[in-house]
Amino acid sequence: MLHEQKQVIARSCCGRRLLPDSRRCFGAPSMSVGTCPPGVMPEARLRELGIVLPPAWIDKPNRVRALRSGIHVHMSGHGPIEPLTDTPTIIGKLGRELSEAHGSAAARETGLYILGTLKGCIGSLDWVVRVVHAIGFINCAPGFNTPSLVLNGFSDLMLEVFGEIDRHTRSAIGVAELYRDIPIEIEALFEVRD
């Protein structure tokens, strides 16, 4: 009996056709109001937005907050915690003490801490080629089922600062507890110039 081979045509979330040998599909450009204009460098964009990054986290003897390996920088989990004092700036669970809007603000603040640590690692955010991936762990009360909307605070900040090179993959996971009752912890992966 002969079996016919069918060519599988995958489609990305944006509906564009991905051929079997395709490695990328970026889709239509984002129309977000806060998007970084093409050609504007991230450091200039931060100045334009009036954003001053917090200081980088200080590494501990048994772990680092940012690790460069080749063209990638892997970021350890960051939360809304002041780096110099290790003091949470926002605490609580989404769906109990905190609303989705509070969570999104915490995700944005966490993004600023991540960018501060990344800049401390590579010297300038202008070296970033792409925001590759983010994982958000959201401290949720039972019944809170929109952690992805909370993580939008991080993703929107990246889009404001980096523009189209920000279009990253991501996962948002609701968890029962986080360190010192912070509402969110985010890990991220960036591609940087060699």
N, C-alpha and C. Protein backbone atom coordinates (compact mmCIF):
# COMPACT_ATOMS: atom_id res chain seq x y z
N MET A 1 0.84 -1.18 0.00
CA MET A 1 0.00 0.00 0.00
C MET A 1 0.88 1.25 0.00
N LEU A 2 0.60 2.15 -0.89
CA LEU A 2 1.37 3.37 -0.99
C LEU A 2 0.78 4.44 -0.08
N HIS A 3 1.67 5.15 0.57
CA HIS A 3 1.24 6.26 1.41
C HIS A 3 1.62 7.56 0.71
N GLU A 4 0.67 8.42 0.58
CA GLU A 4 0.96 9.72 -0.01
C GLU A 4 1.54 10.64 1.05
N GLN A 5 2.59 11.35 0.66
CA GLN A 5 3.14 12.36 1.56
C GLN A 5 2.46 13.67 1.26
N LYS A 6 1.96 14.30 2.28
CA LYS A 6 1.33 15.60 2.11
C LYS A 6 2.27 16.67 2.64
N GLN A 7 2.36 17.73 1.88
CA GLN A 7 3.17 18.86 2.34
C GLN A 7 2.33 19.64 3.34
N VAL A 8 2.85 19.75 4.53
CA VAL A 8 2.13 20.47 5.57
C VAL A 8 2.51 21.94 5.50
N ILE A 9 1.52 22.76 5.39
CA ILE A 9 1.73 24.21 5.38
C ILE A 9 1.28 24.72 6.73
N ALA A 10 2.22 25.21 7.49
CA ALA A 10 1.88 25.77 8.80
C ALA A 10 1.52 27.24 8.64
N ARG A 11 0.73 27.72 9.55
CA ARG A 11 0.39 29.14 9.57
C ARG A 11 0.77 29.70 10.92
N SER A 12 1.32 30.87 10.89
CA SER A 12 1.67 31.54 12.14
C SER A 12 0.42 32.17 12.72
N CYS A 13 0.57 32.72 13.91
CA CYS A 13 -0.57 33.38 14.55
C CYS A 13 -1.05 34.58 13.75
N CYS A 14 -0.19 35.15 12.92
CA CYS A 14 -0.59 36.32 12.14
C CYS A 14 -1.21 35.91 10.81
N GLY A 15 -1.35 34.60 10.56
CA GLY A 15 -2.01 34.13 9.36
C GLY A 15 -1.11 34.01 8.15
N ARG A 16 0.14 34.41 8.26
CA ARG A 16 1.05 34.29 7.12
C ARG A 16 1.47 32.83 6.96
N ARG A 17 1.67 32.46 5.74
CA ARG A 17 2.05 31.09 5.44
C ARG A 17 3.51 30.86 5.79
N LEU A 18 3.76 29.76 6.47
CA LEU A 18 5.13 29.37 6.78
C LEU A 18 5.45 28.12 5.98
N LEU A 19 6.37 28.22 5.07
CA LEU A 19 6.77 27.05 4.31
C LEU A 19 7.58 26.14 5.22
N PRO A 20 7.65 24.85 4.91
CA PRO A 20 8.36 23.93 5.79
C PRO A 20 9.79 24.35 6.12
N ASP A 21 10.47 25.05 5.20
CA ASP A 21 11.86 25.44 5.48
C ASP A 21 11.95 26.84 6.08
N SER A 22 10.83 27.48 6.34
CA SER A 22 10.86 28.84 6.90
C SER A 22 11.36 28.82 8.33
N ARG A 23 12.10 29.83 8.70
CA ARG A 23 12.57 29.95 10.07
C ARG A 23 11.90 31.11 10.79
N ARG A 24 11.29 32.03 10.04
CA ARG A 24 10.71 33.21 10.67
C ARG A 24 9.40 33.59 10.00
N CYS A 25 8.56 34.21 10.76
CA CYS A 25 7.38 34.88 10.24
C CYS A 25 7.09 36.01 11.19
N PHE A 26 7.29 37.22 10.75
CA PHE A 26 7.13 38.36 11.65
C PHE A 26 5.76 38.99 11.58
N GLY A 27 4.98 38.71 10.55
CA GLY A 27 3.64 39.28 10.47
C GLY A 27 3.65 40.75 10.13
N ALA A 28 2.49 41.33 10.22
CA ALA A 28 2.34 42.75 9.92
C ALA A 28 2.95 43.59 11.03
N PRO A 29 3.47 44.76 10.68
CA PRO A 29 4.04 45.62 11.71
C PRO A 29 3.00 45.99 12.76
N SER A 30 3.45 46.13 13.97
CA SER A 30 2.56 46.51 15.06
C SER A 30 2.11 47.95 14.87
N MET A 31 0.90 48.23 15.26
CA MET A 31 0.38 49.58 15.16
C MET A 31 0.21 50.21 16.54
N SER A 32 0.89 49.69 17.52
CA SER A 32 0.79 50.22 18.88
C SER A 32 1.20 51.68 18.91
N VAL A 33 0.45 52.48 19.63
CA VAL A 33 0.73 53.91 19.73
C VAL A 33 2.10 54.15 20.34
N GLY A 34 2.51 53.31 21.29
CA GLY A 34 3.77 53.51 21.99
C GLY A 34 4.97 52.90 21.30
N THR A 35 4.83 52.44 20.06
CA THR A 35 5.91 51.77 19.37
C THR A 35 7.07 52.73 19.09
N CYS A 36 8.28 52.22 19.29
CA CYS A 36 9.48 52.99 18.97
C CYS A 36 9.53 53.21 17.45
N PRO A 37 9.71 54.45 17.00
CA PRO A 37 9.79 54.72 15.56
C PRO A 37 11.00 54.01 14.93
N PRO A 38 10.87 53.56 13.68
CA PRO A 38 11.99 52.91 13.00
C PRO A 38 13.22 53.82 12.98
N GLY A 39 14.39 53.23 13.17
CA GLY A 39 15.64 53.97 13.11
C GLY A 39 16.06 54.65 14.40
N VAL A 40 15.19 54.67 15.40
CA VAL A 40 15.54 55.29 16.68
C VAL A 40 16.22 54.24 17.56
N MET A 41 17.38 54.57 18.08
CA MET A 41 18.12 53.63 18.92
C MET A 41 17.50 53.58 20.32
N PRO A 42 17.57 52.41 20.98
CA PRO A 42 16.94 52.25 22.29
C PRO A 42 17.38 53.27 23.34
N GLU A 43 18.67 53.60 23.40
CA GLU A 43 19.14 54.56 24.40
C GLU A 43 18.52 55.94 24.15
N ALA A 44 18.43 56.34 22.88
CA ALA A 44 17.79 57.62 22.54
C ALA A 44 16.30 57.56 22.85
N ARG A 45 15.69 56.42 22.60
CA ARG A 45 14.26 56.26 22.88
C ARG A 45 13.98 56.39 24.38
N LEU A 46 14.84 55.82 25.22
CA LEU A 46 14.67 55.96 26.67
C LEU A 46 14.71 57.43 27.08
N ARG A 47 15.68 58.17 26.53
CA ARG A 47 15.77 59.61 26.83
C ARG A 47 14.51 60.35 26.36
N GLU A 48 14.06 60.00 25.17
CA GLU A 48 12.85 60.62 24.60
C GLU A 48 11.63 60.38 25.49
N LEU A 49 11.55 59.18 26.08
CA LEU A 49 10.43 58.83 26.95
C LEU A 49 10.61 59.33 28.38
N GLY A 50 11.80 59.87 28.68
CA GLY A 50 12.07 60.35 30.03
C GLY A 50 12.29 59.24 31.03
N ILE A 51 12.73 58.08 30.56
CA ILE A 51 12.95 56.92 31.43
C ILE A 51 14.40 56.86 31.87
N VAL A 52 14.61 56.82 33.16
CA VAL A 52 15.93 56.59 33.75
C VAL A 52 15.90 55.18 34.33
N LEU A 53 16.76 54.32 33.84
CA LEU A 53 16.76 52.93 34.30
C LEU A 53 17.30 52.81 35.71
N PRO A 54 16.76 51.87 36.47
CA PRO A 54 17.30 51.61 37.81
C PRO A 54 18.67 50.96 37.68
N PRO A 55 19.44 50.93 38.77
CA PRO A 55 20.76 50.30 38.70
C PRO A 55 20.64 48.80 38.46
N ALA A 56 21.71 48.23 37.94
CA ALA A 56 21.75 46.78 37.72
C ALA A 56 21.79 46.05 39.05
N TRP A 57 21.24 44.86 39.06
CA TRP A 57 21.33 44.00 40.23
C TRP A 57 22.77 43.58 40.44
N ILE A 58 23.16 43.44 41.67
CA ILE A 58 24.50 42.95 42.01
C ILE A 58 24.44 41.44 42.08
N ASP A 59 25.38 40.79 41.40
CA ASP A 59 25.41 39.33 41.39
C ASP A 59 25.72 38.78 42.78
N LYS A 60 25.22 37.59 43.04
CA LYS A 60 25.47 36.88 44.30
C LYS A 60 26.55 35.83 44.05
N PRO A 61 27.17 35.32 45.12
CA PRO A 61 28.23 34.31 44.93
C PRO A 61 27.75 33.06 44.19
N ASN A 62 26.47 32.70 44.33
CA ASN A 62 26.00 31.45 43.72
C ASN A 62 25.13 31.65 42.48
N ARG A 63 24.96 32.89 42.01
CA ARG A 63 24.14 33.12 40.81
C ARG A 63 24.40 34.52 40.25
N VAL A 64 24.04 34.67 38.98
CA VAL A 64 24.16 35.97 38.33
C VAL A 64 22.79 36.37 37.80
N ARG A 65 22.56 37.66 37.63
CA ARG A 65 21.28 38.16 37.13
C ARG A 65 21.24 38.20 35.61
N ALA A 66 22.40 38.26 34.96
CA ALA A 66 22.47 38.26 33.49
C ALA A 66 23.70 37.46 33.09
N LEU A 67 23.52 36.57 32.13
CA LEU A 67 24.63 35.73 31.68
C LEU A 67 24.70 35.79 30.16
N ARG A 68 25.82 36.30 29.66
CA ARG A 68 26.01 36.34 28.21
C ARG A 68 26.66 35.04 27.77
N SER A 69 26.07 34.43 26.74
CA SER A 69 26.60 33.21 26.14
C SER A 69 26.52 33.40 24.63
N GLY A 70 27.65 33.70 24.01
CA GLY A 70 27.66 33.98 22.58
C GLY A 70 26.88 35.25 22.29
N ILE A 71 25.87 35.12 21.43
CA ILE A 71 25.08 36.29 21.04
C ILE A 71 23.83 36.47 21.91
N HIS A 72 23.67 35.65 22.93
CA HIS A 72 22.48 35.73 23.78
C HIS A 72 22.83 36.17 25.19
N VAL A 73 21.91 36.91 25.78
CA VAL A 73 22.00 37.25 27.20
C VAL A 73 20.75 36.67 27.86
N HIS A 74 20.98 35.75 28.78
CA HIS A 74 19.91 35.11 29.54
C HIS A 74 19.73 35.90 30.84
N MET A 75 18.52 36.33 31.09
CA MET A 75 18.23 37.11 32.29
C MET A 75 17.58 36.22 33.34
N SER A 76 18.14 36.22 34.55
CA SER A 76 17.49 35.53 35.66
C SER A 76 16.16 36.21 35.95
N GLY A 77 15.33 35.54 36.72
CA GLY A 77 14.05 36.12 37.09
C GLY A 77 14.22 37.43 37.84
N HIS A 78 13.49 38.44 37.41
CA HIS A 78 13.44 39.75 38.05
C HIS A 78 12.00 40.01 38.48
N GLY A 79 11.84 40.76 39.52
CA GLY A 79 10.51 41.17 39.97
C GLY A 79 10.52 42.64 40.31
N PRO A 80 9.40 43.17 40.78
CA PRO A 80 9.36 44.57 41.21
C PRO A 80 10.02 44.71 42.59
N ILE A 81 11.34 44.60 42.57
CA ILE A 81 12.14 44.64 43.80
C ILE A 81 13.28 45.63 43.57
N GLU A 82 13.43 46.57 44.47
CA GLU A 82 14.49 47.58 44.39
C GLU A 82 15.84 46.88 44.52
N PRO A 83 16.72 46.99 43.51
CA PRO A 83 17.97 46.23 43.50
C PRO A 83 18.93 46.51 44.65
N LEU A 84 19.00 47.74 45.11
CA LEU A 84 20.00 48.08 46.13
C LEU A 84 19.57 47.66 47.53
N THR A 85 18.26 47.58 47.78
CA THR A 85 17.78 47.24 49.12
C THR A 85 17.08 45.89 49.19
N ASP A 86 16.84 45.25 48.05
CA ASP A 86 16.12 43.98 47.98
C ASP A 86 14.72 44.12 48.59
N THR A 87 14.11 45.29 48.40
CA THR A 87 12.78 45.57 48.96
C THR A 87 11.73 45.54 47.85
N PRO A 88 10.68 44.71 47.99
CA PRO A 88 9.61 44.73 47.00
C PRO A 88 8.93 46.10 46.94
N THR A 89 8.64 46.56 45.75
CA THR A 89 7.95 47.84 45.58
C THR A 89 6.44 47.63 45.45
N ILE A 90 6.03 46.43 45.08
CA ILE A 90 4.62 46.06 44.95
C ILE A 90 4.49 44.64 45.49
N ILE A 91 3.49 44.38 46.32
CA ILE A 91 3.24 43.02 46.79
C ILE A 91 1.76 42.69 46.65
N GLY A 92 1.47 41.41 46.60
CA GLY A 92 0.09 40.95 46.55
C GLY A 92 -0.18 40.00 45.40
N LYS A 93 -1.35 39.38 45.48
CA LYS A 93 -1.78 38.43 44.45
C LYS A 93 -2.75 39.10 43.49
N LEU A 94 -2.63 38.74 42.23
CA LEU A 94 -3.59 39.19 41.23
C LEU A 94 -4.92 38.48 41.49
N GLY A 95 -5.99 39.24 41.45
CA GLY A 95 -7.30 38.67 41.70
C GLY A 95 -7.68 38.69 43.17
N ARG A 96 -6.79 39.17 44.01
CA ARG A 96 -7.11 39.33 45.44
C ARG A 96 -6.81 40.77 45.83
N GLU A 97 -5.57 41.09 46.17
CA GLU A 97 -5.22 42.48 46.52
C GLU A 97 -5.00 43.36 45.29
N LEU A 98 -4.62 42.74 44.19
CA LEU A 98 -4.23 43.52 43.00
C LEU A 98 -5.15 43.25 41.82
N SER A 99 -5.42 44.31 41.06
CA SER A 99 -6.20 44.19 39.83
C SER A 99 -5.26 43.87 38.66
N GLU A 100 -5.86 43.58 37.53
CA GLU A 100 -5.08 43.35 36.31
C GLU A 100 -4.23 44.58 35.97
N ALA A 101 -4.78 45.77 36.17
CA ALA A 101 -4.04 47.01 35.89
C ALA A 101 -2.84 47.15 36.83
N HIS A 102 -3.00 46.80 38.11
CA HIS A 102 -1.86 46.82 39.04
C HIS A 102 -0.79 45.83 38.58
N GLY A 103 -1.22 44.65 38.15
CA GLY A 103 -0.28 43.63 37.68
C GLY A 103 0.47 44.07 36.45
N SER A 104 -0.23 44.71 35.52
CA SER A 104 0.42 45.21 34.31
C SER A 104 1.46 46.28 34.65
N ALA A 105 1.14 47.14 35.62
CA ALA A 105 2.10 48.16 36.06
C ALA A 105 3.32 47.51 36.71
N ALA A 106 3.09 46.43 37.48
CA ALA A 106 4.21 45.70 38.09
C ALA A 106 5.07 45.03 37.02
N ALA A 107 4.44 44.53 35.96
CA ALA A 107 5.18 43.91 34.86
C ALA A 107 6.04 44.95 34.14
N ARG A 108 5.49 46.14 33.95
CA ARG A 108 6.26 47.22 33.32
C ARG A 108 7.45 47.60 34.20
N GLU A 109 7.21 47.76 35.50
CA GLU A 109 8.31 48.10 36.41
C GLU A 109 9.38 47.02 36.39
N THR A 110 8.95 45.76 36.38
CA THR A 110 9.91 44.65 36.31
C THR A 110 10.72 44.74 35.03
N GLY A 111 10.08 45.12 33.93
CA GLY A 111 10.80 45.31 32.67
C GLY A 111 11.89 46.36 32.79
N LEU A 112 11.64 47.42 33.54
CA LEU A 112 12.66 48.45 33.75
C LEU A 112 13.85 47.88 34.53
N TYR A 113 13.57 47.05 35.54
CA TYR A 113 14.67 46.42 36.29
C TYR A 113 15.47 45.48 35.38
N ILE A 114 14.77 44.75 34.52
CA ILE A 114 15.46 43.87 33.57
C ILE A 114 16.36 44.69 32.64
N LEU A 115 15.85 45.78 32.11
CA LEU A 115 16.65 46.61 31.21
C LEU A 115 17.85 47.22 31.93
N GLY A 116 17.69 47.61 33.20
CA GLY A 116 18.81 48.12 33.98
C GLY A 116 19.91 47.09 34.14
N THR A 117 19.51 45.84 34.43
CA THR A 117 20.49 44.76 34.57
C THR A 117 21.13 44.42 33.23
N LEU A 118 20.32 44.39 32.17
CA LEU A 118 20.85 44.11 30.83
C LEU A 118 21.87 45.16 30.42
N LYS A 119 21.55 46.43 30.65
CA LYS A 119 22.49 47.50 30.31
C LYS A 119 23.78 47.36 31.12
N GLY A 120 23.66 46.98 32.39
CA GLY A 120 24.85 46.75 33.21
C GLY A 120 25.71 45.62 32.68
N CYS A 121 25.08 44.65 32.04
CA CYS A 121 25.80 43.49 31.49
C CYS A 121 26.50 43.81 30.18
N ILE A 122 25.81 44.53 29.27
CA ILE A 122 26.37 44.72 27.92
C ILE A 122 26.85 46.16 27.65
N GLY A 123 26.57 47.09 28.57
CA GLY A 123 27.07 48.45 28.42
C GLY A 123 26.11 49.44 27.80
N SER A 124 25.34 49.01 26.81
CA SER A 124 24.38 49.90 26.14
C SER A 124 23.26 49.06 25.54
N LEU A 125 22.03 49.54 25.67
CA LEU A 125 20.91 48.81 25.06
C LEU A 125 20.92 48.91 23.54
N ASP A 126 21.75 49.79 22.99
CA ASP A 126 21.89 49.88 21.54
C ASP A 126 22.53 48.62 20.95
N TRP A 127 23.10 47.78 21.78
CA TRP A 127 23.70 46.52 21.34
C TRP A 127 22.66 45.42 21.15
N VAL A 128 21.43 45.66 21.58
CA VAL A 128 20.38 44.63 21.48
C VAL A 128 19.94 44.49 20.03
N VAL A 129 19.96 43.26 19.54
CA VAL A 129 19.52 42.94 18.18
C VAL A 129 18.05 42.54 18.19
N ARG A 130 17.64 41.81 19.23
CA ARG A 130 16.26 41.30 19.31
C ARG A 130 15.92 40.93 20.74
N VAL A 131 14.67 41.21 21.11
CA VAL A 131 14.10 40.63 22.32
C VAL A 131 13.55 39.28 21.86
N VAL A 132 14.09 38.18 22.38
CA VAL A 132 13.76 36.85 21.86
C VAL A 132 12.56 36.23 22.56
N HIS A 133 12.62 36.17 23.90
CA HIS A 133 11.59 35.42 24.63
C HIS A 133 11.46 35.95 26.05
N ALA A 134 10.28 35.83 26.59
CA ALA A 134 10.03 36.19 27.99
C ALA A 134 9.10 35.16 28.61
N ILE A 135 9.34 34.88 29.88
CA ILE A 135 8.45 34.03 30.66
C ILE A 135 8.04 34.82 31.89
N GLY A 136 6.74 34.98 32.07
CA GLY A 136 6.22 35.69 33.24
C GLY A 136 5.53 34.74 34.18
N PHE A 137 5.93 34.77 35.43
CA PHE A 137 5.28 33.99 36.49
C PHE A 137 4.43 34.97 37.28
N ILE A 138 3.11 34.78 37.25
CA ILE A 138 2.20 35.74 37.85
C ILE A 138 1.60 35.12 39.11
N ASN A 139 1.73 35.82 40.25
CA ASN A 139 1.23 35.39 41.55
C ASN A 139 -0.29 35.57 41.56
N CYS A 140 -1.03 34.48 41.40
CA CYS A 140 -2.48 34.55 41.20
C CYS A 140 -3.27 33.95 42.35
N ALA A 141 -4.35 34.62 42.71
CA ALA A 141 -5.34 34.04 43.62
C ALA A 141 -6.16 33.02 42.81
N PRO A 142 -6.77 32.04 43.49
CA PRO A 142 -7.62 31.09 42.76
C PRO A 142 -8.69 31.83 41.95
N GLY A 143 -8.85 31.40 40.71
CA GLY A 143 -9.84 32.01 39.84
C GLY A 143 -9.31 33.10 38.93
N PHE A 144 -8.09 33.61 39.20
CA PHE A 144 -7.52 34.63 38.30
C PHE A 144 -6.93 33.91 37.10
N ASN A 145 -7.51 34.13 35.93
CA ASN A 145 -7.11 33.34 34.77
C ASN A 145 -6.68 34.17 33.56
N THR A 146 -6.18 35.39 33.81
CA THR A 146 -5.69 36.21 32.70
C THR A 146 -4.25 36.68 32.93
N PRO A 147 -3.34 35.75 33.28
CA PRO A 147 -1.95 36.18 33.50
C PRO A 147 -1.31 36.77 32.25
N SER A 148 -1.75 36.34 31.07
CA SER A 148 -1.18 36.87 29.84
C SER A 148 -1.43 38.37 29.71
N LEU A 149 -2.58 38.83 30.15
CA LEU A 149 -2.88 40.27 30.08
C LEU A 149 -1.99 41.06 31.03
N VAL A 150 -1.62 40.47 32.15
CA VAL A 150 -0.70 41.12 33.09
C VAL A 150 0.67 41.30 32.44
N LEU A 151 1.15 40.25 31.75
CA LEU A 151 2.47 40.29 31.12
C LEU A 151 2.55 41.33 30.00
N ASN A 152 1.39 41.80 29.52
CA ASN A 152 1.40 42.84 28.49
C ASN A 152 2.14 44.09 28.95
N GLY A 153 2.16 44.37 30.26
CA GLY A 153 2.90 45.53 30.76
C GLY A 153 4.37 45.46 30.40
N PHE A 154 4.96 44.27 30.48
CA PHE A 154 6.35 44.04 30.09
C PHE A 154 6.50 44.17 28.57
N SER A 155 5.66 43.45 27.84
CA SER A 155 5.76 43.42 26.37
C SER A 155 5.57 44.81 25.77
N ASP A 156 4.62 45.57 26.31
CA ASP A 156 4.39 46.92 25.80
C ASP A 156 5.60 47.83 26.04
N LEU A 157 6.24 47.69 27.20
CA LEU A 157 7.45 48.48 27.48
C LEU A 157 8.55 48.13 26.48
N MET A 158 8.76 46.83 26.21
CA MET A 158 9.80 46.42 25.27
C MET A 158 9.51 47.01 23.89
N LEU A 159 8.24 47.02 23.49
CA LEU A 159 7.87 47.59 22.19
C LEU A 159 8.12 49.09 22.15
N GLU A 160 7.86 49.78 23.25
CA GLU A 160 8.13 51.23 23.33
C GLU A 160 9.62 51.52 23.17
N VAL A 161 10.45 50.69 23.79
CA VAL A 161 11.89 50.94 23.81
C VAL A 161 12.58 50.42 22.55
N PHE A 162 12.22 49.22 22.10
CA PHE A 162 12.95 48.56 21.00
C PHE A 162 12.21 48.56 19.67
N GLY A 163 10.94 48.85 19.63
CA GLY A 163 10.20 48.81 18.38
C GLY A 163 10.06 47.39 17.86
N GLU A 164 10.13 47.23 16.55
CA GLU A 164 9.86 45.94 15.92
C GLU A 164 10.82 44.82 16.32
N ILE A 165 12.02 45.14 16.78
CA ILE A 165 12.93 44.06 17.19
C ILE A 165 12.46 43.43 18.50
N ASP A 166 11.41 44.01 19.08
CA ASP A 166 10.87 43.48 20.32
C ASP A 166 9.91 42.33 20.10
N ARG A 167 9.39 42.12 18.97
CA ARG A 167 8.30 41.16 18.78
C ARG A 167 8.75 39.77 19.19
N HIS A 168 8.58 39.48 20.47
CA HIS A 168 9.13 38.28 21.09
C HIS A 168 8.07 37.20 21.30
N THR A 169 8.56 35.98 21.51
CA THR A 169 7.68 34.92 21.98
C THR A 169 7.62 35.04 23.49
N ARG A 170 6.57 34.47 24.08
CA ARG A 170 6.47 34.58 25.53
C ARG A 170 5.50 33.56 26.09
N SER A 171 5.60 33.34 27.37
CA SER A 171 4.66 32.50 28.11
C SER A 171 4.32 33.23 29.40
N ALA A 172 3.05 33.15 29.79
CA ALA A 172 2.60 33.73 31.06
C ALA A 172 1.98 32.60 31.87
N ILE A 173 2.50 32.40 33.06
CA ILE A 173 2.10 31.26 33.88
C ILE A 173 1.61 31.76 35.24
N GLY A 174 0.40 31.37 35.61
CA GLY A 174 -0.12 31.70 36.93
C GLY A 174 0.45 30.75 37.97
N VAL A 175 0.97 31.30 39.06
CA VAL A 175 1.55 30.48 40.13
C VAL A 175 0.90 30.84 41.46
N ALA A 176 1.04 29.94 42.45
CA ALA A 176 0.40 30.12 43.75
C ALA A 176 1.18 31.07 44.67
N GLU A 177 2.50 31.10 44.55
CA GLU A 177 3.33 31.93 45.44
C GLU A 177 4.56 32.41 44.70
N LEU A 178 5.06 33.58 45.09
CA LEU A 178 6.34 34.09 44.61
C LEU A 178 7.11 34.69 45.78
N TYR A 179 8.40 34.86 45.58
CA TYR A 179 9.31 35.41 46.59
C TYR A 179 8.73 36.68 47.22
N ARG A 180 8.65 36.70 48.51
CA ARG A 180 8.21 37.86 49.30
C ARG A 180 6.87 38.45 48.83
N ASP A 181 6.05 37.59 48.26
CA ASP A 181 4.70 37.95 47.81
C ASP A 181 4.68 38.98 46.69
N ILE A 182 5.76 39.04 45.87
CA ILE A 182 5.73 39.93 44.70
C ILE A 182 4.69 39.39 43.72
N PRO A 183 4.08 40.27 42.92
CA PRO A 183 3.03 39.82 42.01
C PRO A 183 3.51 39.18 40.71
N ILE A 184 4.77 39.41 40.36
CA ILE A 184 5.26 38.90 39.08
C ILE A 184 6.77 38.70 39.13
N GLU A 185 7.24 37.70 38.40
CA GLU A 185 8.67 37.49 38.17
C GLU A 185 8.82 37.18 36.69
N ILE A 186 9.79 37.83 36.05
CA ILE A 186 9.97 37.66 34.61
C ILE A 186 11.40 37.25 34.30
N GLU A 187 11.54 36.22 33.47
CA GLU A 187 12.82 35.84 32.87
C GLU A 187 12.78 36.31 31.42
N ALA A 188 13.93 36.67 30.87
CA ALA A 188 13.94 37.13 29.47
C ALA A 188 15.22 36.68 28.78
N LEU A 189 15.14 36.61 27.46
CA LEU A 189 16.28 36.25 26.62
C LEU A 189 16.41 37.32 25.54
N PHE A 190 17.62 37.86 25.41
CA PHE A 190 17.91 38.90 24.41
C PHE A 190 19.02 38.41 23.49
N GLU A 191 18.94 38.80 22.22
CA GLU A 191 20.04 38.59 21.28
C GLU A 191 20.78 39.92 21.18
N VAL A 192 22.12 39.86 21.24
CA VAL A 192 22.92 41.08 21.18
C VAL A 192 23.98 40.94 20.09
N ARG A 193 24.55 42.08 19.70
CA ARG A 193 25.60 42.06 18.68
C ARG A 193 26.79 41.28 19.17
N ASP A 194 27.41 40.58 18.24
CA ASP A 194 28.58 39.75 18.55
C ASP A 194 29.80 40.60 18.81
